[in-house]
Amino acid sequence: DCLQSPYALVDIPLFTVYIAFSLLSVQ
């Protein structure tokens, strides 16, 4: 019930992990 808009939640950690990827792999 508390996940009526659950898909918005996963975008936050997804963004953070790919930011880390940008630093640790690309840069």
PDB file of all heavy atoms in Angstrom:
ATOM      1  N   ASP A   1       0.811  -1.207   0.000  1.00  0.00           N
ATOM      2  CA  ASP A   1       0.000   0.000   0.000  1.00  0.00           C
ATOM      3  C   ASP A   1       0.847   1.262   0.000  1.00  0.00           C
ATOM      4  O   ASP A   1       0.472   2.284  -0.565  1.00  0.00           O
ATOM      5  CB  ASP A   1      -0.927  -0.001   1.221  1.00  0.00           C
ATOM      6  CG  ASP A   1      -1.978  -1.098   1.123  1.00  0.00           C
ATOM      7  OD1 ASP A   1      -2.282  -1.529  -0.005  1.00  0.00           O
ATOM      8  OD2 ASP A   1      -2.488  -1.509   2.176  1.00  0.00           O
ATOM      9  N   CYS A   2       1.996   1.193   0.667  1.00  0.00           N
ATOM     10  CA  CYS A   2       2.841   2.381   0.747  1.00  0.00           C
ATOM     11  C   CYS A   2       3.672   2.567  -0.509  1.00  0.00           C
ATOM     12  O   CYS A   2       4.415   3.511  -0.637  1.00  0.00           O
ATOM     13  CB  CYS A   2       3.753   2.302   1.966  1.00  0.00           C
ATOM     14  SG  CYS A   2       4.915   0.957   1.870  1.00  0.00           S
ATOM     15  N   LEU A   3       3.492   1.673  -1.460  1.00  0.00           N
ATOM     16  CA  LEU A   3       4.272   1.776  -2.699  1.00  0.00           C
ATOM     17  C   LEU A   3       3.361   2.096  -3.875  1.00  0.00           C
ATOM     18  O   LEU A   3       3.447   1.495  -4.931  1.00  0.00           O
ATOM     19  CB  LEU A   3       5.017   0.457  -2.956  1.00  0.00           C
ATOM     20  CG  LEU A   3       6.161   0.149  -1.998  1.00  0.00           C
ATOM     21  CD1 LEU A   3       6.778  -1.194  -2.363  1.00  0.00           C
ATOM     22  CD2 LEU A   3       7.204   1.214  -2.020  1.00  0.00           C
ATOM     23  N   GLN A   4       2.437   3.039  -3.667  1.00  0.00           N
ATOM     24  CA  GLN A   4       1.575   3.429  -4.768  1.00  0.00           C
ATOM     25  C   GLN A   4       2.380   4.086  -5.879  1.00  0.00           C
ATOM     26  O   GLN A   4       2.002   4.063  -7.028  1.00  0.00           O
ATOM     27  CB  GLN A   4       0.490   4.395  -4.257  1.00  0.00           C
ATOM     28  CG  GLN A   4      -0.482   3.743  -3.275  1.00  0.00           C
ATOM     29  CD  GLN A   4      -1.190   2.553  -3.872  1.00  0.00           C
ATOM     30  OE1 GLN A   4      -1.692   2.608  -4.993  1.00  0.00           O
ATOM     31  NE2 GLN A   4      -1.213   1.444  -3.158  1.00  0.00           N
ATOM     32  N   SER A   5       3.494   4.731  -5.545  1.00  0.00           N
ATOM     33  CA  SER A   5       4.403   5.281  -6.544  1.00  0.00           C
ATOM     34  C   SER A   5       5.791   4.711  -6.310  1.00  0.00           C
ATOM     35  O   SER A   5       6.761   5.445  -6.113  1.00  0.00           O
ATOM     36  CB  SER A   5       4.439   6.811  -6.458  1.00  0.00           C
ATOM     37  OG  SER A   5       3.163   7.357  -6.676  1.00  0.00           O
ATOM     38  N   PRO A   6       5.953   3.387  -6.333  1.00  0.00           N
ATOM     39  CA  PRO A   6       7.203   2.758  -5.916  1.00  0.00           C
ATOM     40  C   PRO A   6       8.328   2.952  -6.899  1.00  0.00           C
ATOM     41  O   PRO A   6       9.485   2.995  -6.534  1.00  0.00           O
ATOM     42  CB  PRO A   6       6.823   1.276  -5.826  1.00  0.00           C
ATOM     43  CG  PRO A   6       5.730   1.123  -6.830  1.00  0.00           C
ATOM     44  CD  PRO A   6       4.968   2.401  -6.808  1.00  0.00           C
ATOM     45  N   TYR A   7       7.965   3.079  -8.178  1.00  0.00           N
ATOM     46  CA  TYR A   7       8.996   3.142  -9.196  1.00  0.00           C
ATOM     47  C   TYR A   7       9.839   4.404  -9.085  1.00  0.00           C
ATOM     48  O   TYR A   7      10.942   4.458  -9.573  1.00  0.00           O
ATOM     49  CB  TYR A   7       8.361   3.044 -10.590  1.00  0.00           C
ATOM     50  CG  TYR A   7       7.112   3.857 -10.755  1.00  0.00           C
ATOM     51  CD1 TYR A   7       7.173   5.192 -11.125  1.00  0.00           C
ATOM     52  CD2 TYR A   7       5.866   3.281 -10.558  1.00  0.00           C
ATOM     53  CE1 TYR A   7       6.033   5.934 -11.282  1.00  0.00           C
ATOM     54  CE2 TYR A   7       4.709   4.028 -10.715  1.00  0.00           C
ATOM     55  CZ  TYR A   7       4.802   5.346 -11.085  1.00  0.00           C
ATOM     56  OH  TYR A   7       3.667   6.093 -11.241  1.00  0.00           O
ATOM     57  N   ALA A   8       9.309   5.465  -8.451  1.00  0.00           N
ATOM     58  CA  ALA A   8      10.093   6.684  -8.262  1.00  0.00           C
ATOM     59  C   ALA A   8      11.243   6.434  -7.300  1.00  0.00           C
ATOM     60  O   ALA A   8      12.286   7.061  -7.398  1.00  0.00           O
ATOM     61  CB  ALA A   8       9.196   7.800  -7.742  1.00  0.00           C
ATOM     62  N   LEU A   9      11.051   5.522  -6.372  1.00  0.00           N
ATOM     63  CA  LEU A   9      12.065   5.268  -5.358  1.00  0.00           C
ATOM     64  C   LEU A   9      13.340   4.697  -5.953  1.00  0.00           C
ATOM     65  O   LEU A   9      14.428   5.031  -5.520  1.00  0.00           O
ATOM     66  CB  LEU A   9      11.512   4.297  -4.297  1.00  0.00           C
ATOM     67  CG  LEU A   9      10.352   4.801  -3.450  1.00  0.00           C
ATOM     68  CD1 LEU A   9       9.843   3.688  -2.549  1.00  0.00           C
ATOM     69  CD2 LEU A   9      10.780   5.980  -2.603  1.00  0.00           C
ATOM     70  N   VAL A  10      13.224   3.827  -6.933  1.00  0.00           N
ATOM     71  CA  VAL A  10      14.395   3.125  -7.443  1.00  0.00           C
ATOM     72  C   VAL A  10      15.282   4.029  -8.287  1.00  0.00           C
ATOM     73  O   VAL A  10      16.473   3.762  -8.460  1.00  0.00           O
ATOM     74  CB  VAL A  10      13.957   1.876  -8.249  1.00  0.00           C
ATOM     75  CG1 VAL A  10      13.485   2.260  -9.641  1.00  0.00           C
ATOM     76  CG2 VAL A  10      15.078   0.856  -8.324  1.00  0.00           C
ATOM     77  N   ASP A  11      14.738   5.137  -8.795  1.00  0.00           N
ATOM     78  CA  ASP A  11      15.532   6.038  -9.625  1.00  0.00           C
ATOM     79  C   ASP A  11      16.629   6.742  -8.831  1.00  0.00           C
ATOM     80  O   ASP A  11      17.678   7.076  -9.381  1.00  0.00           O
ATOM     81  CB  ASP A  11      14.629   7.097 -10.276  1.00  0.00           C
ATOM     82  CG  ASP A  11      13.650   6.485 -11.250  1.00  0.00           C
ATOM     83  OD1 ASP A  11      13.993   5.438 -11.820  1.00  0.00           O
ATOM     84  OD2 ASP A  11      12.547   7.040 -11.426  1.00  0.00           O
ATOM     85  N   ILE A  12      16.385   6.971  -7.538  1.00  0.00           N
ATOM     86  CA  ILE A  12      17.363   7.695  -6.719  1.00  0.00           C
ATOM     87  C   ILE A  12      18.647   6.891  -6.542  1.00  0.00           C
ATOM     88  O   ILE A  12      19.738   7.380  -6.847  1.00  0.00           O
ATOM     89  CB  ILE A  12      16.747   8.084  -5.355  1.00  0.00           C
ATOM     90  CG1 ILE A  12      15.563   9.034  -5.581  1.00  0.00           C
ATOM     91  CG2 ILE A  12      17.794   8.730  -4.450  1.00  0.00           C
ATOM     92  CD1 ILE A  12      14.762   9.317  -4.328  1.00  0.00           C
ATOM     93  N   PRO A  13      18.574   5.647  -6.036  1.00  0.00           N
ATOM     94  CA  PRO A  13      19.813   4.858  -5.938  1.00  0.00           C
ATOM     95  C   PRO A  13      20.419   4.532  -7.295  1.00  0.00           C
ATOM     96  O   PRO A  13      21.647   4.441  -7.416  1.00  0.00           O
ATOM     97  CB  PRO A  13      19.381   3.585  -5.200  1.00  0.00           C
ATOM     98  CG  PRO A  13      17.910   3.509  -5.354  1.00  0.00           C
ATOM     99  CD  PRO A  13      17.424   4.918  -5.439  1.00  0.00           C
ATOM    100  N   LEU A  14      19.581   4.379  -8.325  1.00  0.00           N
ATOM    101  CA  LEU A  14      20.103   4.122  -9.665  1.00  0.00           C
ATOM    102  C   LEU A  14      20.971   5.285 -10.123  1.00  0.00           C
ATOM    103  O   LEU A  14      22.075   5.083 -10.651  1.00  0.00           O
ATOM    104  CB  LEU A  14      18.940   3.915 -10.645  1.00  0.00           C
ATOM    105  CG  LEU A  14      19.321   3.587 -12.092  1.00  0.00           C
ATOM    106  CD1 LEU A  14      19.948   2.204 -12.192  1.00  0.00           C
ATOM    107  CD2 LEU A  14      18.095   3.670 -13.008  1.00  0.00           C
ATOM    108  N   PHE A  15      20.503   6.507  -9.915  1.00  0.00           N
ATOM    109  CA  PHE A  15      21.266   7.701 -10.289  1.00  0.00           C
ATOM    110  C   PHE A  15      22.592   7.746  -9.530  1.00  0.00           C
ATOM    111  O   PHE A  15      23.646   8.028 -10.108  1.00  0.00           O
ATOM    112  CB  PHE A  15      20.434   8.953  -9.994  1.00  0.00           C
ATOM    113  CG  PHE A  15      21.055  10.233 -10.466  1.00  0.00           C
ATOM    114  CD1 PHE A  15      20.835  10.694 -11.757  1.00  0.00           C
ATOM    115  CD2 PHE A  15      21.869  10.985  -9.629  1.00  0.00           C
ATOM    116  CE1 PHE A  15      21.409  11.869 -12.203  1.00  0.00           C
ATOM    117  CE2 PHE A  15      22.448  12.160 -10.056  1.00  0.00           C
ATOM    118  CZ  PHE A  15      22.221  12.612 -11.351  1.00  0.00           C
ATOM    119  N   THR A  16      22.553   7.449  -8.231  1.00  0.00           N
ATOM    120  CA  THR A  16      23.756   7.523  -7.394  1.00  0.00           C
ATOM    121  C   THR A  16      24.804   6.505  -7.821  1.00  0.00           C
ATOM    122  O   THR A  16      25.999   6.820  -7.916  1.00  0.00           O
ATOM    123  CB  THR A  16      23.396   7.291  -5.916  1.00  0.00           C
ATOM    124  OG1 THR A  16      22.367   8.208  -5.538  1.00  0.00           O
ATOM    125  CG2 THR A  16      24.602   7.503  -5.027  1.00  0.00           C
ATOM    126  N   VAL A  17      24.364   5.280  -8.092  1.00  0.00           N
ATOM    127  CA  VAL A  17      25.308   4.229  -8.475  1.00  0.00           C
ATOM    128  C   VAL A  17      25.965   4.554  -9.817  1.00  0.00           C
ATOM    129  O   VAL A  17      27.169   4.332 -10.004  1.00  0.00           O
ATOM    130  CB  VAL A  17      24.599   2.858  -8.527  1.00  0.00           C
ATOM    131  CG1 VAL A  17      25.459   1.819  -9.232  1.00  0.00           C
ATOM    132  CG2 VAL A  17      24.280   2.383  -7.112  1.00  0.00           C
ATOM    133  N   TYR A  18      25.198   5.109 -10.745  1.00  0.00           N
ATOM    134  CA  TYR A  18      25.792   5.457 -12.039  1.00  0.00           C
ATOM    135  C   TYR A  18      26.679   6.698 -11.946  1.00  0.00           C
ATOM    136  O   TYR A  18      27.601   6.861 -12.751  1.00  0.00           O
ATOM    137  CB  TYR A  18      24.702   5.611 -13.109  1.00  0.00           C
ATOM    138  CG  TYR A  18      24.406   4.296 -13.795  1.00  0.00           C
ATOM    139  CD1 TYR A  18      23.486   3.410 -13.258  1.00  0.00           C
ATOM    140  CD2 TYR A  18      25.082   3.923 -14.948  1.00  0.00           C
ATOM    141  CE1 TYR A  18      23.228   2.198 -13.868  1.00  0.00           C
ATOM    142  CE2 TYR A  18      24.833   2.708 -15.568  1.00  0.00           C
ATOM    143  CZ  TYR A  18      23.903   1.854 -15.027  1.00  0.00           C
ATOM    144  OH  TYR A  18      23.665   0.633 -15.626  1.00  0.00           O
ATOM    145  N   ILE A  19      26.403   7.563 -10.987  1.00  0.00           N
ATOM    146  CA  ILE A  19      27.332   8.666 -10.709  1.00  0.00           C
ATOM    147  C   ILE A  19      28.665   8.086 -10.237  1.00  0.00           C
ATOM    148  O   ILE A  19      29.753   8.527 -10.651  1.00  0.00           O
ATOM    149  CB  ILE A  19      26.741   9.621  -9.652  1.00  0.00           C
ATOM    150  CG1 ILE A  19      25.682  10.530 -10.279  1.00  0.00           C
ATOM    151  CG2 ILE A  19      27.825  10.460  -8.997  1.00  0.00           C
ATOM    152  CD1 ILE A  19      26.221  11.656 -11.131  1.00  0.00           C
ATOM    153  N   ALA A  20      28.585   7.097  -9.336  1.00  0.00           N
ATOM    154  CA  ALA A  20      29.801   6.429  -8.847  1.00  0.00           C
ATOM    155  C   ALA A  20      30.532   5.734  -9.989  1.00  0.00           C
ATOM    156  O   ALA A  20      31.767   5.774 -10.078  1.00  0.00           O
ATOM    157  CB  ALA A  20      29.442   5.425  -7.754  1.00  0.00           C
ATOM    158  N   PHE A  21      29.769   5.101 -10.878  1.00  0.00           N
ATOM    159  CA  PHE A  21      30.361   4.460 -12.058  1.00  0.00           C
ATOM    160  C   PHE A  21      31.105   5.486 -12.898  1.00  0.00           C
ATOM    161  O   PHE A  21      32.207   5.220 -13.409  1.00  0.00           O
ATOM    162  CB  PHE A  21      29.259   3.790 -12.882  1.00  0.00           C
ATOM    163  CG  PHE A  21      29.670   3.428 -14.283  1.00  0.00           C
ATOM    164  CD1 PHE A  21      30.407   2.287 -14.527  1.00  0.00           C
ATOM    165  CD2 PHE A  21      29.300   4.228 -15.361  1.00  0.00           C
ATOM    166  CE1 PHE A  21      30.795   1.956 -15.823  1.00  0.00           C
ATOM    167  CE2 PHE A  21      29.676   3.904 -16.653  1.00  0.00           C
ATOM    168  CZ  PHE A  21      30.426   2.762 -16.880  1.00  0.00           C
ATOM    169  N   SER A  22      30.519   6.668 -13.046  1.00  0.00           N
ATOM    170  CA  SER A  22      31.147   7.727 -13.844  1.00  0.00           C
ATOM    171  C   SER A  22      32.506   8.112 -13.278  1.00  0.00           C
ATOM    172  O   SER A  22      33.463   8.339 -14.023  1.00  0.00           O
ATOM    173  CB  SER A  22      30.224   8.942 -13.901  1.00  0.00           C
ATOM    174  OG  SER A  22      30.801   9.976 -14.663  1.00  0.00           O
ATOM    175  N   LEU A  23      32.599   8.166 -11.932  1.00  0.00           N
ATOM    176  CA  LEU A  23      33.870   8.537 -11.305  1.00  0.00           C
ATOM    177  C   LEU A  23      34.870   7.384 -11.320  1.00  0.00           C
ATOM    178  O   LEU A  23      36.022   7.553 -11.732  1.00  0.00           O
ATOM    179  CB  LEU A  23      33.637   8.981  -9.859  1.00  0.00           C
ATOM    180  CG  LEU A  23      34.901   9.248  -9.035  1.00  0.00           C
ATOM    181  CD1 LEU A  23      35.689  10.424  -9.612  1.00  0.00           C
ATOM    182  CD2 LEU A  23      34.564   9.503  -7.575  1.00  0.00           C
ATOM    183  N   LEU A  24      34.425   6.187 -10.901  1.00  0.00           N
ATOM    184  CA  LEU A  24      35.354   5.079 -10.661  1.00  0.00           C
ATOM    185  C   LEU A  24      35.716   4.305 -11.920  1.00  0.00           C
ATOM    186  O   LEU A  24      36.774   3.675 -11.971  1.00  0.00           O
ATOM    187  CB  LEU A  24      34.748   4.129  -9.615  1.00  0.00           C
ATOM    188  CG  LEU A  24      34.423   4.780  -8.264  1.00  0.00           C
ATOM    189  CD1 LEU A  24      33.683   3.798  -7.371  1.00  0.00           C
ATOM    190  CD2 LEU A  24      35.684   5.290  -7.592  1.00  0.00           C
ATOM    191  N   SER A  25      34.865   4.355 -12.935  1.00  0.00           N
ATOM    192  CA  SER A  25      35.165   3.623 -14.170  1.00  0.00           C
ATOM    193  C   SER A  25      35.529   4.566 -15.313  1.00  0.00           C
ATOM    194  O   SER A  25      36.570   4.414 -15.951  1.00  0.00           O
ATOM    195  CB  SER A  25      33.971   2.746 -14.559  1.00  0.00           C
ATOM    196  OG  SER A  25      33.797   1.706 -13.614  1.00  0.00           O
ATOM    197  N   VAL A  26      34.675   5.579 -15.582  1.00  0.00           N
ATOM    198  CA  VAL A  26      34.948   6.495 -16.694  1.00  0.00           C
ATOM    199  C   VAL A  26      36.123   7.416 -16.350  1.00  0.00           C
ATOM    200  O   VAL A  26      37.151   7.440 -17.031  1.00  0.00           O
ATOM    201  CB  VAL A  26      33.693   7.308 -17.046  1.00  0.00           C
ATOM    202  CG1 VAL A  26      34.002   8.257 -18.206  1.00  0.00           C
ATOM    203  CG2 VAL A  26      32.533   6.385 -17.417  1.00  0.00           C
ATOM    204  N   GLN A  27      35.966   8.176 -15.251  1.00  0.00           N
ATOM    205  CA  GLN A  27      37.066   9.039 -14.808  1.00  0.00           C
ATOM    206  C   GLN A  27      38.188   8.214 -14.173  1.00  0.00           C
ATOM    207  O   GLN A  27      39.284   8.730 -13.936  1.00  0.00           O
ATOM    208  CB  GLN A  27      36.560  10.071 -13.794  1.00  0.00           C
ATOM    209  CG  GLN A  27      35.528  11.031 -14.351  1.00  0.00           C
ATOM    210  CD  GLN A  27      36.103  11.953 -15.410  1.00  0.00           C
ATOM    211  OE1 GLN A  27      37.265  12.325 -15.360  1.00  0.00           O
ATOM    212  NE2 GLN A  27      35.273  12.323 -16.377  1.00  0.00           N
TER     213      GLN A  27
END
